[in-house]
Amino acid sequence: MPSKEQSDILVGKYFEAVDPVYPIVHQEAFQKDYEDFWLLQSVDRKHSDGSLVALVFVMLAMGTQFVAIASPDEKEQTAEFYISASHQALRVINYLGRPSLRTMQTMILIIYFLMNDNHASDAWAFAGILTRHAYALGLNRDPSVIARNAHPFEKQQRRKLWQAVLFQDTFFSIILQLPPNALHSDCRLEDLAPEVHPSLTLDGASDISYITSMWKLANIVQTSVCVPRSLDIPIATHAVQRANLIAKFERIYFSVPKPFRNFNEAAICELASRSKRLARQALFLTSNYYHCLMLIYADEHDDLELDVHGTLDAAHQAISSFFLLHKLFEDEARHRAFSEALVIGELVKSRPDMIAFDIKKMGAKDDLLRMIGILGVMSEQNVVARTRVSVLSKYI
């Protein structure tokens, strides 16, 4: 492990940049265990709870991913060393045979790290183990039924963990166009207790309202988008069905608390000035919502034409959330909106006759050029970004 001082910096960065998106670790409870660990003599730390060590290492890895370090190579090597150490700690405690809530937290974060680190196939394989563990622990079941005598705190943690498994599985399935796995649950999102993060006092928004919103979105995305795409069947069979599905998505989006859907640059920047945590959650929710809308508008087959303008509008909103994330939290942006840029590029190149308004076409090209510009800066130190610049440039 690094020194306590360095560890504190990286764990602090984890809670700043990652915890808002996956609020699955109770910070106060973790902090107590973390401080107790560092109070031990070095020789005694090897007898510590291995699941805590694994969780600390994955936090160090993710903190390293998002912290500013002069050498990108050093950042990548250090982060991958920490993630390897986290996995090794899980193996030492036989996590495959003895899953727990803490090992589940660690696995969710390892998968998120692998996705950010462009190891999608590794993340997908590990996610399969995670889902089976969630079922084995009964996280998909209503805690008031399967864990009736558990402390309310544990019941709350079980619900939050299941939502994270569900959300991660759903949007990972979207990215890879593979079947979702977290399909079977009787957990009720309305049973989540009204828990408020210390920094959240704005407009009635909290981690729970964010979790609930993502949960609602994941539920409809699984059945209406993930399943048909994984089987190469239409998302909608005709225009009326598409319109009805879009209306369902819009009802869900406009049911979430206003800070998460008050989406324009001025509003998000003002929100970030008051709460960076809420701003991160708003951007993450918005980008996922509009990405799914983009896929629905872009669906086409013999009986349904692709809606060019609807696709471009949704892609623009999704990629705009990336641009705002890059503007406000540059080190956290990475390559999130590459798929939206691909869709925009393909439409600009292959369907110019269907883009009726020059202003819309110019807006699409501006989005594409801006994305290439951001990736171009990253490409100086990142091979994946360099490849993506090459791919997108062919559309200009």
Protein backbone atom coordinates (compact mmCIF):
# COMPACT_ATOMS: atom_id res chain seq x y z
CA MET A 1 0.00 0.00 0.00
CA PRO A 2 1.06 3.62 -0.43
CA SER A 3 1.66 5.88 2.56
CA LYS A 4 -1.31 6.93 4.66
CA GLU A 5 -1.05 10.47 3.27
CA GLN A 6 -1.13 9.29 -0.35
CA SER A 7 -3.87 6.79 0.39
CA ASP A 8 -6.00 9.54 1.94
CA ILE A 9 -5.65 11.63 -1.23
CA LEU A 10 -6.69 8.76 -3.52
CA VAL A 11 -9.57 7.59 -1.33
CA GLY A 12 -10.73 11.21 -1.10
CA LYS A 13 -10.66 11.42 -4.91
CA TYR A 14 -12.70 8.22 -5.09
CA PHE A 15 -15.45 9.70 -2.90
CA GLU A 16 -15.35 12.92 -4.92
CA ALA A 17 -15.43 11.47 -8.45
CA VAL A 18 -16.76 7.89 -8.29
CA ASP A 19 -19.04 7.71 -5.26
CA PRO A 20 -21.59 10.16 -6.76
CA VAL A 21 -22.10 7.81 -9.73
CA TYR A 22 -22.10 4.59 -7.67
CA PRO A 23 -23.16 5.62 -4.14
CA ILE A 24 -22.86 2.10 -2.70
CA VAL A 25 -20.30 2.59 0.10
CA HIS A 26 -21.52 4.25 3.29
CA GLN A 27 -18.76 6.80 3.76
CA GLU A 28 -18.95 7.18 7.53
CA ALA A 29 -18.98 3.42 8.19
CA PHE A 30 -16.12 2.89 5.74
CA GLN A 31 -14.08 5.76 7.16
CA LYS A 32 -14.18 4.25 10.64
CA ASP A 33 -12.90 0.87 9.39
CA TYR A 34 -10.33 2.61 7.20
CA GLU A 35 -8.91 4.69 10.06
CA ASP A 36 -8.86 1.64 12.37
CA PHE A 37 -6.87 -0.22 9.72
CA TRP A 38 -4.21 2.48 9.59
CA LEU A 39 -3.94 2.56 13.40
CA LEU A 40 -2.70 -1.04 13.34
CA GLN A 41 1.00 -1.78 13.40
CA SER A 42 2.34 -2.83 9.99
CA VAL A 43 2.84 -6.41 11.15
CA ASP A 44 -0.79 -6.64 12.28
CA ARG A 45 -2.35 -5.35 9.07
CA LYS A 46 -1.88 -8.71 7.37
CA HIS A 47 -4.52 -10.09 9.75
CA SER A 48 -7.08 -7.47 8.69
CA ASP A 49 -10.36 -8.27 6.99
CA GLY A 50 -9.39 -9.11 3.41
CA SER A 51 -12.62 -7.67 2.01
CA LEU A 52 -11.72 -4.28 3.50
CA VAL A 53 -8.23 -4.46 1.97
CA ALA A 54 -9.77 -5.35 -1.41
CA LEU A 55 -12.19 -2.42 -1.18
CA VAL A 56 -9.43 0.03 -0.23
CA PHE A 57 -7.28 -1.13 -3.16
CA VAL A 58 -10.07 -0.66 -5.70
CA MET A 59 -10.67 2.83 -4.29
CA LEU A 60 -6.96 3.57 -4.69
CA ALA A 61 -7.14 2.33 -8.28
CA MET A 62 -10.13 4.51 -9.14
CA GLY A 63 -8.70 7.50 -7.31
CA THR A 64 -5.53 7.10 -9.39
CA GLN A 65 -7.60 6.99 -12.59
CA PHE A 66 -9.11 10.38 -11.86
CA VAL A 67 -6.34 12.22 -10.04
CA ALA A 68 -4.00 14.55 -11.93
CA ILE A 69 -0.58 12.90 -12.36
CA ALA A 70 2.20 14.31 -14.54
CA SER A 71 3.01 11.01 -16.27
CA PRO A 72 0.05 9.20 -17.94
CA ASP A 73 2.09 5.99 -18.13
CA GLU A 74 2.74 6.15 -14.41
CA LYS A 75 -0.96 6.76 -13.75
CA GLU A 76 -2.00 3.75 -15.85
CA GLN A 77 0.61 1.41 -14.36
CA THR A 78 -0.15 2.48 -10.79
CA ALA A 79 -3.91 2.15 -11.25
CA GLU A 80 -3.59 -1.31 -12.81
CA PHE A 81 -1.24 -2.39 -10.00
CA TYR A 82 -3.85 -1.36 -7.41
CA ILE A 83 -6.70 -3.10 -9.26
CA SER A 84 -4.59 -6.27 -9.48
CA ALA A 85 -3.94 -6.04 -5.74
CA SER A 86 -7.68 -5.65 -5.10
CA HIS A 87 -8.45 -8.76 -7.12
CA GLN A 88 -5.67 -10.66 -5.37
CA ALA A 89 -7.12 -9.68 -1.97
CA LEU A 90 -10.50 -11.04 -3.10
CA ARG A 91 -8.86 -14.30 -4.13
CA VAL A 92 -7.06 -14.62 -0.78
CA ILE A 93 -10.40 -14.54 1.07
CA ASN A 94 -12.01 -16.94 -1.46
CA TYR A 95 -14.58 -14.43 -2.70
CA LEU A 96 -16.00 -16.95 -5.17
CA GLY A 97 -17.08 -19.22 -2.34
CA ARG A 98 -17.82 -16.59 0.29
CA PRO A 99 -19.49 -13.53 -1.23
CA SER A 100 -20.44 -10.66 1.08
CA LEU A 101 -21.86 -7.16 0.77
CA ARG A 102 -18.35 -5.71 0.89
CA THR A 103 -16.95 -8.07 -1.76
CA MET A 104 -19.95 -7.11 -3.91
CA GLN A 105 -19.10 -3.42 -3.51
CA THR A 106 -15.53 -4.18 -4.54
CA MET A 107 -16.59 -6.18 -7.59
CA ILE A 108 -18.95 -3.44 -8.82
CA LEU A 109 -16.10 -0.95 -8.61
CA ILE A 110 -13.60 -3.30 -10.31
CA ILE A 111 -16.02 -3.63 -13.23
CA TYR A 112 -16.41 0.15 -13.42
CA PHE A 113 -12.61 0.50 -13.40
CA LEU A 114 -12.23 -2.05 -16.22
CA MET A 115 -14.86 -0.24 -18.32
CA ASN A 116 -13.04 3.07 -17.83
CA ASP A 117 -9.75 1.35 -18.66
CA ASN A 118 -11.07 0.00 -22.00
CA HIS A 119 -11.10 -3.65 -20.89
CA ALA A 120 -14.71 -4.30 -21.86
CA SER A 121 -14.38 -8.06 -22.38
CA ASP A 122 -12.77 -8.52 -18.95
CA ALA A 123 -15.46 -6.36 -17.36
CA TRP A 124 -18.25 -8.34 -19.06
CA ALA A 125 -16.87 -11.67 -17.83
CA PHE A 126 -16.41 -10.36 -14.28
CA ALA A 127 -19.92 -8.87 -14.35
CA GLY A 128 -21.31 -12.36 -14.92
CA ILE A 129 -19.77 -13.50 -11.64
CA LEU A 130 -21.09 -10.38 -9.93
CA THR A 131 -24.68 -11.06 -11.04
CA ARG A 132 -24.55 -14.68 -9.88
CA HIS A 133 -23.20 -13.52 -6.52
CA ALA A 134 -26.01 -10.98 -6.24
CA TYR A 135 -28.56 -13.74 -6.80
CA ALA A 136 -26.76 -16.05 -4.36
CA LEU A 137 -26.88 -13.37 -1.64
CA GLY A 138 -30.51 -12.63 -2.44
CA LEU A 139 -29.83 -8.98 -3.26
CA ASN A 140 -32.53 -9.18 -5.93
CA ARG A 141 -35.10 -10.09 -3.28
CA ASP A 142 -37.07 -7.73 -1.08
CA PRO A 143 -34.98 -7.47 2.13
CA SER A 144 -38.13 -7.29 4.24
CA VAL A 145 -38.91 -10.81 3.00
CA ILE A 146 -35.53 -12.54 2.67
CA ALA A 147 -33.69 -10.69 5.46
CA ARG A 148 -36.58 -9.86 7.77
CA ASN A 149 -34.46 -9.67 10.93
CA ALA A 150 -31.61 -7.67 9.40
CA HIS A 151 -30.77 -4.20 10.69
CA PRO A 152 -32.42 -1.39 8.66
CA PHE A 153 -28.92 -0.22 7.65
CA GLU A 154 -28.17 -3.62 6.08
CA LYS A 155 -31.52 -3.65 4.28
CA GLN A 156 -30.74 -0.22 2.85
CA GLN A 157 -27.29 -1.39 1.71
CA ARG A 158 -28.79 -4.47 0.04
CA ARG A 159 -31.24 -2.36 -1.96
CA LYS A 160 -28.54 0.11 -3.01
CA LEU A 161 -26.24 -2.72 -4.08
CA TRP A 162 -28.95 -4.39 -6.14
CA GLN A 163 -29.71 -1.10 -7.89
CA ALA A 164 -26.00 -0.75 -8.74
CA VAL A 165 -25.87 -4.31 -10.11
CA LEU A 166 -29.05 -3.70 -12.13
CA PHE A 167 -27.89 -0.34 -13.47
CA GLN A 168 -24.39 -1.56 -14.34
CA ASP A 169 -25.69 -4.70 -16.05
CA THR A 170 -28.31 -2.75 -18.02
CA PHE A 171 -26.06 -0.10 -19.48
CA PHE A 172 -23.19 -2.51 -20.02
CA SER A 173 -25.63 -4.59 -22.08
CA ILE A 174 -26.51 -1.46 -24.06
CA ILE A 175 -22.85 -0.76 -24.87
CA LEU A 176 -22.01 -4.32 -25.96
CA GLN A 177 -25.45 -5.23 -27.38
CA LEU A 178 -25.46 -8.43 -25.31
CA PRO A 179 -28.29 -9.94 -23.19
CA PRO A 180 -28.91 -8.41 -19.75
CA ASN A 181 -28.58 -10.73 -16.75
CA ALA A 182 -30.07 -8.83 -13.79
CA LEU A 183 -33.68 -9.47 -14.79
CA HIS A 184 -35.30 -11.16 -11.80
CA SER A 185 -36.16 -9.10 -8.73
CA ASP A 186 -38.94 -8.24 -6.32
CA CYS A 187 -37.01 -5.36 -4.72
CA ARG A 188 -39.13 -2.23 -4.50
CA LEU A 189 -37.42 1.06 -5.12
CA GLU A 190 -40.01 2.91 -3.04
CA ASP A 191 -38.66 1.10 0.04
CA LEU A 192 -35.36 2.98 -0.15
CA ALA A 193 -35.06 5.04 3.02
CA PRO A 194 -34.78 8.85 2.68
CA GLU A 195 -31.04 9.07 3.24
CA VAL A 196 -29.26 12.35 2.49
CA HIS A 197 -25.56 12.77 1.83
CA PRO A 198 -24.07 15.54 4.05
CA SER A 199 -23.37 17.77 1.03
CA LEU A 200 -26.86 17.39 -0.46
CA THR A 201 -29.32 20.03 0.66
CA LEU A 202 -30.27 21.40 -2.75
CA ASP A 203 -33.78 21.38 -4.20
CA GLY A 204 -34.73 18.25 -2.26
CA ALA A 205 -32.25 16.10 -4.20
CA SER A 206 -30.29 13.30 -2.55
CA ASP A 207 -28.40 10.13 -3.37
CA ILE A 208 -31.65 8.23 -2.89
CA SER A 209 -33.49 10.35 -5.45
CA TYR A 210 -30.60 9.78 -7.89
CA ILE A 211 -30.59 6.01 -7.19
CA THR A 212 -34.37 5.84 -7.61
CA SER A 213 -34.21 7.73 -10.91
CA MET A 214 -31.50 5.45 -12.31
CA TRP A 215 -33.45 2.42 -11.09
CA LYS A 216 -36.61 3.53 -12.94
CA LEU A 217 -34.60 4.17 -16.09
CA ALA A 218 -32.78 0.82 -15.92
CA ASN A 219 -36.06 -1.08 -15.53
CA ILE A 220 -37.59 0.26 -18.74
CA VAL A 221 -34.29 0.11 -20.67
CA GLN A 222 -33.78 -3.58 -19.88
CA THR A 223 -37.07 -4.79 -21.30
CA SER A 224 -37.61 -2.27 -24.10
CA VAL A 225 -34.07 -1.74 -25.42
CA CYS A 226 -31.55 -4.30 -24.09
CA VAL A 227 -33.53 -7.46 -24.79
CA PRO A 228 -34.56 -6.66 -28.41
CA ARG A 229 -31.09 -5.35 -29.31
CA SER A 230 -29.42 -8.47 -27.91
CA LEU A 231 -31.65 -10.60 -30.17
CA ASP A 232 -31.40 -8.32 -33.23
CA ILE A 233 -35.15 -7.73 -33.27
CA PRO A 234 -36.86 -4.33 -33.64
CA ILE A 235 -37.17 -2.10 -30.60
CA ALA A 236 -40.47 -0.93 -32.07
CA THR A 237 -42.43 -2.62 -34.84
CA HIS A 238 -44.17 0.55 -36.11
CA ALA A 239 -44.16 4.32 -35.68
CA VAL A 240 -46.99 4.41 -33.11
CA GLN A 241 -45.22 1.90 -30.88
CA ARG A 242 -42.02 3.95 -31.11
CA ALA A 243 -43.90 7.13 -30.18
CA ASN A 244 -45.52 5.39 -27.20
CA LEU A 245 -42.16 4.05 -26.00
CA ILE A 246 -40.55 7.48 -26.28
CA ALA A 247 -43.47 8.93 -24.30
CA LYS A 248 -42.82 6.37 -21.52
CA PHE A 249 -39.16 7.37 -21.39
CA GLU A 250 -40.10 11.04 -21.24
CA ARG A 251 -42.54 10.46 -18.38
CA ILE A 252 -39.80 8.75 -16.38
CA TYR A 253 -37.28 11.51 -17.14
CA PHE A 254 -39.68 14.29 -16.15
CA SER A 255 -40.57 12.47 -12.93
CA VAL A 256 -37.03 12.77 -11.55
CA PRO A 257 -36.08 15.69 -9.27
CA LYS A 258 -35.44 18.92 -11.16
CA PRO A 259 -31.67 19.19 -10.52
CA PHE A 260 -31.18 15.97 -12.51
CA ARG A 261 -33.18 17.11 -15.55
CA ASN A 262 -32.60 20.87 -15.61
CA PHE A 263 -30.25 20.26 -18.48
CA ASN A 264 -28.57 23.22 -20.10
CA GLU A 265 -25.03 24.46 -19.76
CA ALA A 266 -25.83 27.45 -17.56
CA ALA A 267 -27.99 25.38 -15.19
CA ILE A 268 -25.42 22.58 -14.85
CA CYS A 269 -22.56 25.02 -14.25
CA GLU A 270 -24.64 26.81 -11.62
CA LEU A 271 -25.50 23.45 -10.02
CA ALA A 272 -21.80 22.48 -10.00
CA SER A 273 -20.98 25.73 -8.19
CA ARG A 274 -23.32 24.61 -5.40
CA SER A 275 -22.81 20.83 -5.46
CA LYS A 276 -20.32 19.06 -7.70
CA ARG A 277 -21.79 15.76 -6.52
CA LEU A 278 -25.26 16.60 -7.85
CA ALA A 279 -23.77 17.95 -11.08
CA ARG A 280 -21.95 14.66 -11.70
CA GLN A 281 -25.14 12.70 -11.04
CA ALA A 282 -27.19 14.96 -13.33
CA LEU A 283 -24.70 14.56 -16.18
CA PHE A 284 -24.50 10.78 -15.75
CA LEU A 285 -28.29 10.36 -15.67
CA THR A 286 -28.82 12.67 -18.63
CA SER A 287 -26.17 11.06 -20.83
CA ASN A 288 -27.61 7.58 -20.26
CA TYR A 289 -31.19 8.73 -20.82
CA TYR A 290 -30.45 10.44 -24.13
CA HIS A 291 -28.20 7.60 -25.29
CA CYS A 292 -31.16 5.24 -24.98
CA LEU A 293 -33.47 7.70 -26.76
CA MET A 294 -30.91 7.89 -29.55
CA LEU A 295 -31.04 4.11 -29.98
CA ILE A 296 -34.85 4.13 -30.14
CA TYR A 297 -34.95 6.89 -32.76
CA ALA A 298 -32.18 5.16 -34.74
CA ASP A 299 -33.95 1.79 -34.84
CA GLU A 300 -34.93 0.89 -38.40
CA HIS A 301 -36.18 -2.12 -40.33
CA ASP A 302 -38.52 -2.93 -43.20
CA ASP A 303 -41.58 -1.43 -41.49
CA LEU A 304 -39.97 1.50 -39.72
CA GLU A 305 -37.64 4.22 -40.97
CA LEU A 306 -34.84 5.69 -38.91
CA ASP A 307 -35.85 9.08 -37.49
CA VAL A 308 -32.85 11.15 -38.52
CA HIS A 309 -33.75 14.35 -36.69
CA GLY A 310 -34.85 12.54 -33.53
CA THR A 311 -31.60 10.54 -33.53
CA LEU A 312 -29.46 13.65 -34.04
CA ASP A 313 -31.31 15.57 -31.32
CA ALA A 314 -30.90 12.76 -28.76
CA ALA A 315 -27.26 12.18 -29.76
CA HIS A 316 -26.60 15.92 -29.41
CA GLN A 317 -28.06 15.97 -25.88
CA ALA A 318 -26.04 12.89 -24.88
CA ILE A 319 -22.76 14.18 -26.30
CA SER A 320 -23.42 17.62 -24.79
CA SER A 321 -23.42 16.02 -21.33
CA PHE A 322 -19.97 14.66 -22.16
CA PHE A 323 -18.76 18.10 -23.22
CA LEU A 324 -20.03 19.56 -19.94
CA LEU A 325 -18.40 16.75 -17.96
CA HIS A 326 -15.15 17.51 -19.76
CA LYS A 327 -15.52 21.24 -19.09
CA LEU A 328 -16.26 20.82 -15.37
CA PHE A 329 -14.32 17.64 -14.50
CA GLU A 330 -11.79 17.13 -17.28
CA ASP A 331 -9.93 14.14 -15.79
CA GLU A 332 -13.20 12.23 -15.42
CA ALA A 333 -14.48 12.59 -18.98
CA ARG A 334 -12.35 9.95 -20.71
CA HIS A 335 -14.08 8.53 -23.87
CA ARG A 336 -17.69 8.23 -22.73
CA ALA A 337 -19.45 9.73 -25.77
CA PHE A 338 -17.60 7.98 -28.59
CA SER A 339 -20.69 5.94 -29.60
CA GLU A 340 -22.80 9.11 -29.94
CA ALA A 341 -20.09 10.67 -32.10
CA LEU A 342 -20.11 7.57 -34.32
CA VAL A 343 -23.88 7.81 -34.82
CA ILE A 344 -23.66 11.52 -35.63
CA GLY A 345 -20.81 10.94 -38.08
CA GLU A 346 -22.62 8.14 -39.86
CA LEU A 347 -25.78 10.21 -40.29
CA VAL A 348 -23.93 13.29 -41.51
CA LYS A 349 -22.07 11.21 -44.07
CA SER A 350 -24.73 8.74 -45.22
CA ARG A 351 -28.00 10.69 -44.86
CA PRO A 352 -27.23 14.29 -45.91
CA ASP A 353 -30.40 14.41 -48.04
CA MET A 354 -32.56 13.57 -45.00
CA ILE A 355 -31.13 16.35 -42.82
CA ALA A 356 -33.48 19.05 -44.03
CA PHE A 357 -32.17 22.02 -42.05
CA ASP A 358 -28.65 23.28 -42.62
CA ILE A 359 -28.48 24.52 -39.03
CA LYS A 360 -29.11 20.99 -37.71
CA LYS A 361 -26.47 19.54 -40.01
CA MET A 362 -23.94 22.18 -38.98
CA GLY A 363 -24.73 21.50 -35.33
CA ALA A 364 -24.05 17.80 -35.88
CA LYS A 365 -20.73 18.57 -37.58
CA ASP A 366 -19.80 20.94 -34.74
CA ASP A 367 -20.44 18.13 -32.21
CA LEU A 368 -18.26 15.79 -34.26
CA LEU A 369 -15.42 18.31 -34.61
CA ARG A 370 -15.53 19.14 -30.90
CA MET A 371 -15.33 15.46 -30.00
CA ILE A 372 -12.38 14.96 -32.34
CA GLY A 373 -10.68 17.96 -30.75
CA ILE A 374 -11.06 16.55 -27.21
CA LEU A 375 -9.90 13.10 -28.26
CA GLY A 376 -7.05 14.69 -30.18
CA VAL A 377 -5.63 16.15 -26.98
CA MET A 378 -6.02 12.78 -25.25
CA SER A 379 -4.42 10.97 -28.19
CA GLU A 380 -1.02 12.47 -27.44
CA GLN A 381 -0.78 10.03 -24.53
CA ASN A 382 -3.46 7.42 -25.27
CA VAL A 383 -3.49 4.86 -28.07
CA VAL A 384 -7.25 4.23 -27.85
CA ALA A 385 -8.01 7.94 -28.21
CA ARG A 386 -5.65 8.10 -31.21
CA THR A 387 -7.54 5.26 -32.90
CA ARG A 388 -10.88 6.92 -32.23
CA VAL A 389 -9.70 10.21 -33.71
CA SER A 390 -8.78 8.30 -36.87
CA VAL A 391 -12.20 6.62 -37.00
CA LEU A 392 -14.18 9.83 -36.50
CA SER A 393 -12.06 11.90 -38.89
CA LYS A 394 -13.23 9.88 -41.88
CA TYR A 395 -16.72 11.36 -41.41
CA ILE A 396 -15.53 14.95 -41.87
